[in-house]
């Protein structure tokens, strides 16, 4: 089965903001390390989302799109990210469209984490 992972512009904007947030909150001593972290996160999502176990997103996330799913991406023992996405089939290819990314520090109260 062919699969492609895409992200809406708001997700890309969030990732750019995340670089600054991580650096400004001193999670990384150098901005370069913050950039590397975010690139690794995005590459993990792009590469592995089609292989990940996913669950239907709670109704709380309908504000981004109805009928979404989410999958977990663990970065370390304290932080995991959730990619929220919709799935489409197009000529035998499954398209995963990432519509929102959050982490356990901001989203856990809304999810049945696995």
PDB file of N, CA and C in Angstrom:
ATOM      1  N   UNK A   1       0.844  -1.185   0.000  1.00  0.00           N
ATOM      2  CA  UNK A   1       0.000   0.000   0.000  1.00  0.00           C
ATOM      3  C   UNK A   1       0.889   1.248   0.000  1.00  0.00           C
ATOM      4  N   UNK A   2       0.642   2.119  -0.919  1.00  0.00           N
ATOM      5  CA  UNK A   2       1.367   3.384  -0.982  1.00  0.00           C
ATOM      6  C   UNK A   2       0.749   4.366   0.001  1.00  0.00           C
ATOM      7  N   UNK A   3       1.620   5.169   0.606  1.00  0.00           N
ATOM      8  CA  UNK A   3       1.143   6.166   1.555  1.00  0.00           C
ATOM      9  C   UNK A   3       1.980   7.431   1.423  1.00  0.00           C
ATOM     10  N   UNK A   4       1.334   8.553   1.689  1.00  0.00           N
ATOM     11  CA  UNK A   4       2.004   9.855   1.667  1.00  0.00           C
ATOM     12  C   UNK A   4       1.525  10.640   2.881  1.00  0.00           C
ATOM     13  N   UNK A   5       2.444  11.321   3.538  1.00  0.00           N
ATOM     14  CA  UNK A   5       2.115  12.146   4.694  1.00  0.00           C
ATOM     15  C   UNK A   5       2.355  13.604   4.320  1.00  0.00           C
ATOM     16  N   UNK A   6       1.328  14.416   4.507  1.00  0.00           N
ATOM     17  CA  UNK A   6       1.392  15.851   4.238  1.00  0.00           C
ATOM     18  C   UNK A   6       0.970  16.603   5.499  1.00  0.00           C
ATOM     19  N   UNK A   7       1.306  17.872   5.557  1.00  0.00           N
ATOM     20  CA  UNK A   7       0.907  18.705   6.703  1.00  0.00           C
ATOM     21  C   UNK A   7       0.336  20.012   6.188  1.00  0.00           C
ATOM     22  N   UNK A   8      -0.690  20.498   6.868  1.00  0.00           N
ATOM     23  CA  UNK A   8      -1.265  21.786   6.495  1.00  0.00           C
ATOM     24  C   UNK A   8      -0.304  22.898   6.938  1.00  0.00           C
ATOM     25  N   UNK A   9      -0.407  24.087   6.348  1.00  0.00           N
ATOM     26  CA  UNK A   9       0.523  25.190   6.684  1.00  0.00           C
ATOM     27  C   UNK A   9       0.557  25.540   8.167  1.00  0.00           C
ATOM     28  N   UNK A  10      -0.553  25.430   8.857  1.00  0.00           N
ATOM     29  CA  UNK A  10      -0.583  25.762  10.289  1.00  0.00           C
ATOM     30  C   UNK A  10       0.316  24.820  11.094  1.00  0.00           C
ATOM     31  N   UNK A  11       0.440  23.584  10.672  1.00  0.00           N
ATOM     32  CA  UNK A  11       1.320  22.631  11.349  1.00  0.00           C
ATOM     33  C   UNK A  11       2.776  23.037  11.139  1.00  0.00           C
ATOM     34  N   UNK A  12       3.108  23.423   9.934  1.00  0.00           N
ATOM     35  CA  UNK A  12       4.475  23.875   9.649  1.00  0.00           C
ATOM     36  C   UNK A  12       4.784  25.132  10.465  1.00  0.00           C
ATOM     37  N   UNK A  13       3.825  26.056  10.552  1.00  0.00           N
ATOM     38  CA  UNK A  13       4.006  27.258  11.377  1.00  0.00           C
ATOM     39  C   UNK A  13       4.263  26.885  12.830  1.00  0.00           C
ATOM     40  N   UNK A  14       3.503  25.913  13.344  1.00  0.00           N
ATOM     41  CA  UNK A  14       3.684  25.461  14.726  1.00  0.00           C
ATOM     42  C   UNK A  14       5.098  24.924  14.939  1.00  0.00           C
ATOM     43  N   UNK A  15       5.598  24.155  13.985  1.00  0.00           N
ATOM     44  CA  UNK A  15       6.935  23.583  14.125  1.00  0.00           C
ATOM     45  C   UNK A  15       8.004  24.678  14.163  1.00  0.00           C
ATOM     46  N   UNK A  16       7.843  25.709  13.358  1.00  0.00           N
ATOM     47  CA  UNK A  16       8.766  26.852  13.420  1.00  0.00           C
ATOM     48  C   UNK A  16       8.691  27.518  14.788  1.00  0.00           C
ATOM     49  N   UNK A  17       7.488  27.701  15.305  1.00  0.00           N
ATOM     50  CA  UNK A  17       7.310  28.303  16.627  1.00  0.00           C
ATOM     51  C   UNK A  17       7.900  27.419  17.715  1.00  0.00           C
ATOM     52  N   UNK A  18       7.765  26.098  17.552  1.00  0.00           N
ATOM     53  CA  UNK A  18       8.281  25.161  18.541  1.00  0.00           C
ATOM     54  C   UNK A  18       9.794  25.291  18.682  1.00  0.00           C
ATOM     55  N   UNK A  19      10.485  25.524  17.594  1.00  0.00           N
ATOM     56  CA  UNK A  19      11.938  25.748  17.656  1.00  0.00           C
ATOM     57  C   UNK A  19      12.236  26.885  18.627  1.00  0.00           C
ATOM     58  N   UNK A  20      11.545  28.010  18.463  1.00  0.00           N
ATOM     59  CA  UNK A  20      11.776  29.173  19.326  1.00  0.00           C
ATOM     60  C   UNK A  20      11.363  28.898  20.762  1.00  0.00           C
ATOM     61  N   UNK A  21      10.232  28.247  20.950  1.00  0.00           N
ATOM     62  CA  UNK A  21       9.750  27.948  22.305  1.00  0.00           C
ATOM     63  C   UNK A  21      10.758  27.090  23.057  1.00  0.00           C
ATOM     64  N   UNK A  22      11.228  26.040  22.431  1.00  0.00           N
ATOM     65  CA  UNK A  22      12.173  25.133  23.092  1.00  0.00           C
ATOM     66  C   UNK A  22      13.480  25.837  23.441  1.00  0.00           C
ATOM     67  N   UNK A  23      13.915  26.707  22.571  1.00  0.00           N
ATOM     68  CA  UNK A  23      15.153  27.446  22.829  1.00  0.00           C
ATOM     69  C   UNK A  23      14.945  28.505  23.917  1.00  0.00           C
ATOM     70  N   UNK A  24      13.872  29.274  23.807  1.00  0.00           N
ATOM     71  CA  UNK A  24      13.623  30.358  24.763  1.00  0.00           C
ATOM     72  C   UNK A  24      13.336  29.844  26.173  1.00  0.00           C
ATOM     73  N   UNK A  25      12.761  28.644  26.284  1.00  0.00           N
ATOM     74  CA  UNK A  25      12.488  28.058  27.602  1.00  0.00           C
ATOM     75  C   UNK A  25      13.673  27.231  28.106  1.00  0.00           C
ATOM     76  N   UNK A  26      14.790  27.332  27.397  1.00  0.00           N
ATOM     77  CA  UNK A  26      16.054  26.715  27.807  1.00  0.00           C
ATOM     78  C   UNK A  26      16.015  25.190  27.847  1.00  0.00           C
ATOM     79  N   UNK A  27      15.193  24.584  26.995  1.00  0.00           N
ATOM     80  CA  UNK A  27      15.265  23.136  26.855  1.00  0.00           C
ATOM     81  C   UNK A  27      16.541  22.757  26.112  1.00  0.00           C
ATOM     82  N   UNK A  28      17.054  23.697  25.312  1.00  0.00           N
ATOM     83  CA  UNK A  28      18.293  23.500  24.581  1.00  0.00           C
ATOM     84  C   UNK A  28      19.163  24.736  24.753  1.00  0.00           C
ATOM     85  N   UNK A  29      20.464  24.519  24.917  1.00  0.00           N
ATOM     86  CA  UNK A  29      21.390  25.624  25.102  1.00  0.00           C
ATOM     87  C   UNK A  29      21.707  26.368  23.818  1.00  0.00           C
ATOM     88  N   UNK A  30      21.548  25.672  22.700  1.00  0.00           N
ATOM     89  CA  UNK A  30      21.822  26.273  21.407  1.00  0.00           C
ATOM     90  C   UNK A  30      20.596  26.132  20.522  1.00  0.00           C
ATOM     91  N   UNK A  31      20.298  27.177  19.775  1.00  0.00           N
ATOM     92  CA  UNK A  31      19.132  27.133  18.886  1.00  0.00           C
ATOM     93  C   UNK A  31      19.269  26.004  17.873  1.00  0.00           C
ATOM     94  N   UNK A  32      20.488  25.746  17.426  1.00  0.00           N
ATOM     95  CA  UNK A  32      20.737  24.659  16.482  1.00  0.00           C
ATOM     96  C   UNK A  32      20.175  23.338  17.006  1.00  0.00           C
ATOM     97  N   UNK A  33      20.367  23.068  18.313  1.00  0.00           N
ATOM     98  CA  UNK A  33      19.856  21.822  18.893  1.00  0.00           C
ATOM     99  C   UNK A  33      18.338  21.786  18.904  1.00  0.00           C
ATOM    100  N   UNK A  34      17.717  22.928  19.103  1.00  0.00           N
ATOM    101  CA  UNK A  34      16.262  23.025  19.051  1.00  0.00           C
ATOM    102  C   UNK A  34      15.763  22.732  17.629  1.00  0.00           C
ATOM    103  N   UNK A  35      16.468  23.277  16.647  1.00  0.00           N
ATOM    104  CA  UNK A  35      16.114  23.038  15.238  1.00  0.00           C
ATOM    105  C   UNK A  35      16.229  21.548  14.927  1.00  0.00           C
ATOM    106  N   UNK A  36      17.325  20.924  15.346  1.00  0.00           N
ATOM    107  CA  UNK A  36      17.535  19.488  15.098  1.00  0.00           C
ATOM    108  C   UNK A  36      16.411  18.658  15.720  1.00  0.00           C
ATOM    109  N   UNK A  37      16.017  18.981  16.930  1.00  0.00           N
ATOM    110  CA  UNK A  37      14.962  18.264  17.645  1.00  0.00           C
ATOM    111  C   UNK A  37      13.658  18.314  16.853  1.00  0.00           C
ATOM    112  N   UNK A  38      13.294  19.495  16.383  1.00  0.00           N
ATOM    113  CA  UNK A  38      12.034  19.670  15.652  1.00  0.00           C
ATOM    114  C   UNK A  38      12.104  18.976  14.295  1.00  0.00           C
ATOM    115  N   UNK A  39      13.241  19.042  13.633  1.00  0.00           N
ATOM    116  CA  UNK A  39      13.392  18.334  12.363  1.00  0.00           C
ATOM    117  C   UNK A  39      13.234  16.829  12.575  1.00  0.00           C
ATOM    118  N   UNK A  40      13.856  16.299  13.617  1.00  0.00           N
ATOM    119  CA  UNK A  40      13.732  14.868  13.913  1.00  0.00           C
ATOM    120  C   UNK A  40      12.277  14.493  14.201  1.00  0.00           C
ATOM    121  N   UNK A  41      11.572  15.329  14.943  1.00  0.00           N
ATOM    122  CA  UNK A  41      10.165  15.072  15.223  1.00  0.00           C
ATOM    123  C   UNK A  41       9.366  15.014  13.922  1.00  0.00           C
ATOM    124  N   UNK A  42       9.539  16.006  13.066  1.00  0.00           N
ATOM    125  CA  UNK A  42       8.785  16.055  11.812  1.00  0.00           C
ATOM    126  C   UNK A  42       9.150  14.877  10.907  1.00  0.00           C
ATOM    127  N   UNK A  43      10.425  14.537  10.830  1.00  0.00           N
ATOM    128  CA  UNK A  43      10.832  13.387  10.022  1.00  0.00           C
ATOM    129  C   UNK A  43      10.234  12.092  10.550  1.00  0.00           C
ATOM    130  N   UNK A  44      10.167  11.969  11.867  1.00  0.00           N
ATOM    131  CA  UNK A  44       9.541  10.789  12.472  1.00  0.00           C
ATOM    132  C   UNK A  44       8.073  10.702  12.071  1.00  0.00           C
ATOM    133  N   UNK A  45       7.374  11.814  12.123  1.00  0.00           N
ATOM    134  CA  UNK A  45       5.957  11.833  11.748  1.00  0.00           C
ATOM    135  C   UNK A  45       5.799  11.493  10.267  1.00  0.00           C
ATOM    136  N   UNK A  46       6.569  12.128   9.412  1.00  0.00           N
ATOM    137  CA  UNK A  46       6.459  11.903   7.967  1.00  0.00           C
ATOM    138  C   UNK A  46       6.770  10.450   7.615  1.00  0.00           C
ATOM    139  N   UNK A  47       7.782   9.885   8.254  1.00  0.00           N
ATOM    140  CA  UNK A  47       8.230   8.532   7.935  1.00  0.00           C
ATOM    141  C   UNK A  47       7.350   7.452   8.551  1.00  0.00           C
ATOM    142  N   UNK A  48       6.926   7.656   9.785  1.00  0.00           N
ATOM    143  CA  UNK A  48       6.314   6.561  10.539  1.00  0.00           C
ATOM    144  C   UNK A  48       4.817   6.655  10.768  1.00  0.00           C
ATOM    145  N   UNK A  49       4.189   7.768  10.465  1.00  0.00           N
ATOM    146  CA  UNK A  49       2.750   7.887  10.713  1.00  0.00           C
ATOM    147  C   UNK A  49       1.945   6.750  10.087  1.00  0.00           C
ATOM    148  N   UNK A  50       2.199   6.367   8.846  1.00  0.00           N
ATOM    149  CA  UNK A  50       1.398   5.275   8.267  1.00  0.00           C
ATOM    150  C   UNK A  50       1.552   3.936   8.989  1.00  0.00           C
ATOM    151  N   UNK A  51       2.644   3.767   9.731  1.00  0.00           N
ATOM    152  CA  UNK A  51       2.913   2.502  10.425  1.00  0.00           C
ATOM    153  C   UNK A  51       2.410   2.504  11.863  1.00  0.00           C
ATOM    154  N   UNK A  52       2.081   3.675  12.375  1.00  0.00           N
ATOM    155  CA  UNK A  52       1.718   3.815  13.785  1.00  0.00           C
ATOM    156  C   UNK A  52       0.294   3.359  14.073  1.00  0.00           C
ATOM    157  N   UNK A  53       0.125   2.821  15.284  1.00  0.00           N
ATOM    158  CA  UNK A  53      -1.219   2.568  15.786  1.00  0.00           C
ATOM    159  C   UNK A  53      -1.883   3.927  15.956  1.00  0.00           C
ATOM    160  N   UNK A  54      -3.136   4.034  15.554  1.00  0.00           N
ATOM    161  CA  UNK A  54      -3.823   5.305  15.742  1.00  0.00           C
ATOM    162  C   UNK A  54      -5.228   5.074  16.274  1.00  0.00           C
ATOM    163  N   UNK A  55      -5.734   6.115  16.886  1.00  0.00           N
ATOM    164  CA  UNK A  55      -7.072   6.083  17.496  1.00  0.00           C
ATOM    165  C   UNK A  55      -7.892   7.247  16.975  1.00  0.00           C
ATOM    166  N   UNK A  56      -9.195   7.118  17.051  1.00  0.00           N
ATOM    167  CA  UNK A  56     -10.037   8.270  16.700  1.00  0.00           C
ATOM    168  C   UNK A  56      -9.789   9.418  17.685  1.00  0.00           C
ATOM    169  N   UNK A  57      -9.687  10.607  17.167  1.00  0.00           N
ATOM    170  CA  UNK A  57      -9.488  11.781  18.017  1.00  0.00           C
ATOM    171  C   UNK A  57     -10.790  12.113  18.746  1.00  0.00           C
ATOM    172  N   UNK A  58     -10.700  12.517  20.005  1.00  0.00           N
ATOM    173  CA  UNK A  58     -11.900  12.931  20.744  1.00  0.00           C
ATOM    174  C   UNK A  58     -12.584  14.120  20.069  1.00  0.00           C
ATOM    175  N   UNK A  59     -13.845  14.314  20.378  1.00  0.00           N
ATOM    176  CA  UNK A  59     -14.633  15.399  19.789  1.00  0.00           C
ATOM    177  C   UNK A  59     -14.024  16.776  20.039  1.00  0.00           C
ATOM    178  N   UNK A  60     -13.274  16.897  21.104  1.00  0.00           N
ATOM    179  CA  UNK A  60     -12.604  18.162  21.421  1.00  0.00           C
ATOM    180  C   UNK A  60     -11.816  18.677  20.212  1.00  0.00           C
ATOM    181  N   UNK A  61     -11.264  17.781  19.426  1.00  0.00           N
ATOM    182  CA  UNK A  61     -10.412  18.151  18.290  1.00  0.00           C
ATOM    183  C   UNK A  61     -11.186  18.384  17.003  1.00  0.00           C
ATOM    184  N   UNK A  62     -12.505  18.289  17.058  1.00  0.00           N
ATOM    185  CA  UNK A  62     -13.323  18.580  15.873  1.00  0.00           C
ATOM    186  C   UNK A  62     -13.143  20.026  15.404  1.00  0.00           C
ATOM    187  N   UNK A  63     -12.617  20.882  16.281  1.00  0.00           N
ATOM    188  CA  UNK A  63     -12.385  22.271  15.879  1.00  0.00           C
ATOM    189  C   UNK A  63     -11.318  22.370  14.792  1.00  0.00           C
ATOM    190  N   UNK A  64     -10.491  21.352  14.652  1.00  0.00           N
ATOM    191  CA  UNK A  64      -9.479  21.316  13.591  1.00  0.00           C
ATOM    192  C   UNK A  64     -10.009  20.610  12.343  1.00  0.00           C
ATOM    193  N   UNK A  65     -10.785  19.572  12.562  1.00  0.00           N
ATOM    194  CA  UNK A  65     -11.431  18.820  11.475  1.00  0.00           C
ATOM    195  C   UNK A  65     -12.183  17.664  12.115  1.00  0.00           C
ATOM    196  N   UNK A  66     -13.349  17.366  11.613  1.00  0.00           N
ATOM    197  CA  UNK A  66     -14.115  16.235  12.134  1.00  0.00           C
ATOM    198  C   UNK A  66     -13.569  14.935  11.563  1.00  0.00           C
ATOM    199  N   UNK A  67     -13.682  13.881  12.358  1.00  0.00           N
ATOM    200  CA  UNK A  67     -13.289  12.557  11.891  1.00  0.00           C
ATOM    201  C   UNK A  67     -11.794  12.314  11.863  1.00  0.00           C
ATOM    202  N   UNK A  68     -11.054  13.020  12.703  1.00  0.00           N
ATOM    203  CA  UNK A  68      -9.604  12.838  12.723  1.00  0.00           C
ATOM    204  C   UNK A  68      -9.201  11.629  13.559  1.00  0.00           C
ATOM    205  N   UNK A  69      -7.944  11.256  13.389  1.00  0.00           N
ATOM    206  CA  UNK A  69      -7.280  10.239  14.194  1.00  0.00           C
ATOM    207  C   UNK A  69      -6.059  10.892  14.827  1.00  0.00           C
ATOM    208  N   UNK A  70      -5.451  10.175  15.788  1.00  0.00           N
ATOM    209  CA  UNK A  70      -4.183  10.664  16.323  1.00  0.00           C
ATOM    210  C   UNK A  70      -3.250   9.490  16.587  1.00  0.00           C
ATOM    211  N   UNK A  71      -1.967   9.778  16.527  1.00  0.00           N
ATOM    212  CA  UNK A  71      -0.921   8.793  16.798  1.00  0.00           C
ATOM    213  C   UNK A  71       0.125   9.444  17.703  1.00  0.00           C
ATOM    214  N   UNK A  72       0.782   8.608  18.475  1.00  0.00           N
ATOM    215  CA  UNK A  72       1.754   9.054  19.468  1.00  0.00           C
ATOM    216  C   UNK A  72       3.176   8.916  18.933  1.00  0.00           C
ATOM    217  N   UNK A  73       4.002   9.931  19.210  1.00  0.00           N
ATOM    218  CA  UNK A  73       5.414   9.927  18.850  1.00  0.00           C
ATOM    219  C   UNK A  73       6.211  10.291  20.094  1.00  0.00           C
ATOM    220  N   UNK A  74       6.871   9.305  20.670  1.00  0.00           N
ATOM    221  CA  UNK A  74       7.605   9.509  21.922  1.00  0.00           C
ATOM    222  C   UNK A  74       8.992  10.089  21.608  1.00  0.00           C
ATOM    223  N   UNK A  75       9.317  11.218  22.255  1.00  0.00           N
ATOM    224  CA  UNK A  75      10.632  11.836  22.064  1.00  0.00           C
ATOM    225  C   UNK A  75      11.599  11.456  23.187  1.00  0.00           C
ATOM    226  N   UNK A  76      11.086  11.331  24.396  1.00  0.00           N
ATOM    227  CA  UNK A  76      11.897  10.898  25.538  1.00  0.00           C
ATOM    228  C   UNK A  76      10.949  10.428  26.630  1.00  0.00           C
ATOM    229  N   UNK A  77      11.475  10.096  27.791  1.00  0.00           N
ATOM    230  CA  UNK A  77      10.591   9.525  28.822  1.00  0.00           C
ATOM    231  C   UNK A  77       9.608  10.528  29.410  1.00  0.00           C
ATOM    232  N   UNK A  78       9.800  11.828  29.126  1.00  0.00           N
ATOM    233  CA  UNK A  78       8.900  12.840  29.668  1.00  0.00           C
ATOM    234  C   UNK A  78       7.993  13.496  28.627  1.00  0.00           C
ATOM    235  N   UNK A  79       8.346  13.368  27.361  1.00  0.00           N
ATOM    236  CA  UNK A  79       7.606  14.099  26.329  1.00  0.00           C
ATOM    237  C   UNK A  79       7.245  13.203  25.160  1.00  0.00           C
ATOM    238  N   UNK A  80       5.975  13.225  24.832  1.00  0.00           N
ATOM    239  CA  UNK A  80       5.505  12.584  23.615  1.00  0.00           C
ATOM    240  C   UNK A  80       4.607  13.568  22.874  1.00  0.00           C
ATOM    241  N   UNK A  81       4.672  13.475  21.568  1.00  0.00           N
ATOM    242  CA  UNK A  81       3.872  14.336  20.707  1.00  0.00           C
ATOM    243  C   UNK A  81       2.753  13.522  20.096  1.00  0.00           C
ATOM    244  N   UNK A  82       1.658  14.208  19.803  1.00  0.00           N
ATOM    245  CA  UNK A  82       0.510  13.590  19.154  1.00  0.00           C
ATOM    246  C   UNK A  82       0.296  14.280  17.818  1.00  0.00           C
ATOM    247  N   UNK A  83       0.246  13.488  16.774  1.00  0.00           N
ATOM    248  CA  UNK A  83      -0.071  14.017  15.450  1.00  0.00           C
ATOM    249  C   UNK A  83      -1.531  13.691  15.174  1.00  0.00           C
ATOM    250  N   UNK A  84      -2.320  14.713  14.894  1.00  0.00           N
ATOM    251  CA  UNK A  84      -3.741  14.568  14.587  1.00  0.00           C
ATOM    252  C   UNK A  84      -3.898  14.705  13.077  1.00  0.00           C
ATOM    253  N   UNK A  85      -4.621  13.780  12.484  1.00  0.00           N
ATOM    254  CA  UNK A  85      -4.651  13.725  11.028  1.00  0.00           C
ATOM    255  C   UNK A  85      -5.964  13.150  10.501  1.00  0.00           C
ATOM    256  N   UNK A  86      -6.193  13.418   9.239  1.00  0.00           N
ATOM    257  CA  UNK A  86      -7.285  12.781   8.503  1.00  0.00           C
ATOM    258  C   UNK A  86      -6.644  11.886   7.444  1.00  0.00           C
ATOM    259  N   UNK A  87      -7.381  10.861   7.050  1.00  0.00           N
ATOM    260  CA  UNK A  87      -6.902   9.921   6.035  1.00  0.00           C
ATOM    261  C   UNK A  87      -7.807   9.995   4.815  1.00  0.00           C
ATOM    262  N   UNK A  88      -7.187   9.974   3.653  1.00  0.00           N
ATOM    263  CA  UNK A  88      -7.917   9.977   2.393  1.00  0.00           C
ATOM    264  C   UNK A  88      -7.312   8.916   1.488  1.00  0.00           C
ATOM    265  N   UNK A  89      -8.121   8.359   0.625  1.00  0.00           N
ATOM    266  CA  UNK A  89      -7.622   7.460  -0.402  1.00  0.00           C
ATOM    267  C   UNK A  89      -7.715   8.170  -1.734  1.00  0.00           C
ATOM    268  N   UNK A  90      -6.610   8.101  -2.494  1.00  0.00           N
ATOM    269  CA  UNK A  90      -6.551   8.757  -3.784  1.00  0.00           C
ATOM    270  C   UNK A  90      -5.835   7.834  -4.767  1.00  0.00           C
ATOM    271  N   UNK A  91      -6.601   7.217  -5.647  1.00  0.00           N
ATOM    272  CA  UNK A  91      -6.032   6.338  -6.681  1.00  0.00           C
ATOM    273  C   UNK A  91      -5.109   5.271  -6.103  1.00  0.00           C
ATOM    274  N   UNK A  92      -5.560   4.587  -5.053  1.00  0.00           N
ATOM    275  CA  UNK A  92      -4.781   3.517  -4.449  1.00  0.00           C
ATOM    276  C   UNK A  92      -3.711   3.962  -3.478  1.00  0.00           C
ATOM    277  N   UNK A  93      -3.587   5.259  -3.262  1.00  0.00           N
ATOM    278  CA  UNK A  93      -2.617   5.787  -2.313  1.00  0.00           C
ATOM    279  C   UNK A  93      -3.355   6.367  -1.116  1.00  0.00           C
ATOM    280  N   UNK A  94      -2.869   6.072   0.082  1.00  0.00           N
ATOM    281  CA  UNK A  94      -3.451   6.646   1.291  1.00  0.00           C
ATOM    282  C   UNK A  94      -2.706   7.929   1.624  1.00  0.00           C
ATOM    283  N   UNK A  95      -3.466   8.997   1.770  1.00  0.00           N
ATOM    284  CA  UNK A  95      -2.908  10.304   2.124  1.00  0.00           C
ATOM    285  C   UNK A  95      -3.226  10.560   3.594  1.00  0.00           C
ATOM    286  N   UNK A  96      -2.202  10.836   4.367  1.00  0.00           N
ATOM    287  CA  UNK A  96      -2.338  11.220   5.767  1.00  0.00           C
ATOM    288  C   UNK A  96      -2.090  12.723   5.823  1.00  0.00           C
ATOM    289  N   UNK A  97      -3.109  13.483   6.181  1.00  0.00           N
ATOM    290  CA  UNK A  97      -2.978  14.926   6.240  1.00  0.00           C
ATOM    291  C   UNK A  97      -2.940  15.368   7.706  1.00  0.00           C
ATOM    292  N   UNK A  98      -1.755  15.765   8.162  1.00  0.00           N
ATOM    293  CA  UNK A  98      -1.567  16.192   9.550  1.00  0.00           C
ATOM    294  C   UNK A  98      -2.152  17.584   9.694  1.00  0.00           C
ATOM    295  N   UNK A  99      -3.091  17.711  10.639  1.00  0.00           N
ATOM    296  CA  UNK A  99      -3.809  18.961  10.831  1.00  0.00           C
ATOM    297  C   UNK A  99      -3.462  19.669  12.136  1.00  0.00           C
ATOM    298  N   UNK A 100      -2.823  18.932  13.063  1.00  0.00           N
ATOM    299  CA  UNK A 100      -2.489  19.528  14.358  1.00  0.00           C
ATOM    300  C   UNK A 100      -1.445  18.643  15.031  1.00  0.00           C
ATOM    301  N   UNK A 101      -0.543  19.263  15.760  1.00  0.00           N
ATOM    302  CA  UNK A 101       0.431  18.545  16.584  1.00  0.00           C
ATOM    303  C   UNK A 101       0.404  19.160  17.966  1.00  0.00           C
ATOM    304  N   UNK A 102       0.372  18.314  18.978  1.00  0.00           N
ATOM    305  CA  UNK A 102       0.451  18.764  20.361  1.00  0.00           C
ATOM    306  C   UNK A 102       1.298  17.780  21.142  1.00  0.00           C
ATOM    307  N   UNK A 103       1.560  18.101  22.407  1.00  0.00           N
ATOM    308  CA  UNK A 103       2.332  17.159  23.223  1.00  0.00           C
ATOM    309  C   UNK A 103       1.595  16.836  24.516  1.00  0.00           C
ATOM    310  N   UNK A 104       2.152  15.900  25.261  1.00  0.00           N
ATOM    311  CA  UNK A 104       1.478  15.442  26.473  1.00  0.00           C
ATOM    312  C   UNK A 104       1.318  16.549  27.505  1.00  0.00           C
ATOM    313  N   UNK A 105       2.158  17.564  27.462  1.00  0.00           N
ATOM    314  CA  UNK A 105       2.064  18.649  28.433  1.00  0.00           C
ATOM    315  C   UNK A 105       0.855  19.548  28.178  1.00  0.00           C
ATOM    316  N   UNK A 106       0.375  19.561  26.936  1.00  0.00           N
ATOM    317  CA  UNK A 106      -0.756  20.426  26.597  1.00  0.00           C
ATOM    318  C   UNK A 106      -2.018  19.654  26.219  1.00  0.00           C
ATOM    319  N   UNK A 107      -1.884  18.390  25.850  1.00  0.00           N
ATOM    320  CA  UNK A 107      -3.022  17.658  25.295  1.00  0.00           C
ATOM    321  C   UNK A 107      -3.499  16.472  26.123  1.00  0.00           C
ATOM    322  N   UNK A 108      -2.711  15.985  27.068  1.00  0.00           N
ATOM    323  CA  UNK A 108      -3.026  14.735  27.754  1.00  0.00           C
ATOM    324  C   UNK A 108      -4.405  14.735  28.404  1.00  0.00           C
ATOM    325  N   UNK A 109      -4.846  15.876  28.902  1.00  0.00           N
ATOM    326  CA  UNK A 109      -6.144  15.919  29.585  1.00  0.00           C
ATOM    327  C   UNK A 109      -7.305  15.653  28.632  1.00  0.00           C
ATOM    328  N   UNK A 110      -7.072  15.780  27.324  1.00  0.00           N
ATOM    329  CA  UNK A 110      -8.146  15.588  26.340  1.00  0.00           C
ATOM    330  C   UNK A 110      -8.125  14.198  25.699  1.00  0.00           C
ATOM    331  N   UNK A 111      -7.117  13.399  26.030  1.00  0.00           N
ATOM    332  CA  UNK A 111      -6.900  12.130  25.314  1.00  0.00           C
ATOM    333  C   UNK A 111      -6.973  10.924  26.224  1.00  0.00           C
ATOM    334  N   UNK A 112      -7.339   9.807  25.631  1.00  0.00           N
ATOM    335  CA  UNK A 112      -7.162   8.500  26.247  1.00  0.00           C
ATOM    336  C   UNK A 112      -5.810   8.019  25.748  1.00  0.00           C
ATOM    337  N   UNK A 113      -4.750   8.318  26.488  1.00  0.00           N
ATOM    338  CA  UNK A 113      -3.416   7.976  25.995  1.00  0.00           C
ATOM    339  C   UNK A 113      -3.194   6.485  26.039  1.00  0.00           C
ATOM    340  N   UNK A 114      -2.365   6.016  25.160  1.00  0.00           N
ATOM    341  CA  UNK A 114      -2.086   4.577  25.079  1.00  0.00           C
ATOM    342  C   UNK A 114      -0.658   4.270  25.385  1.00  0.00           C
TER     343      UNK A 114
END
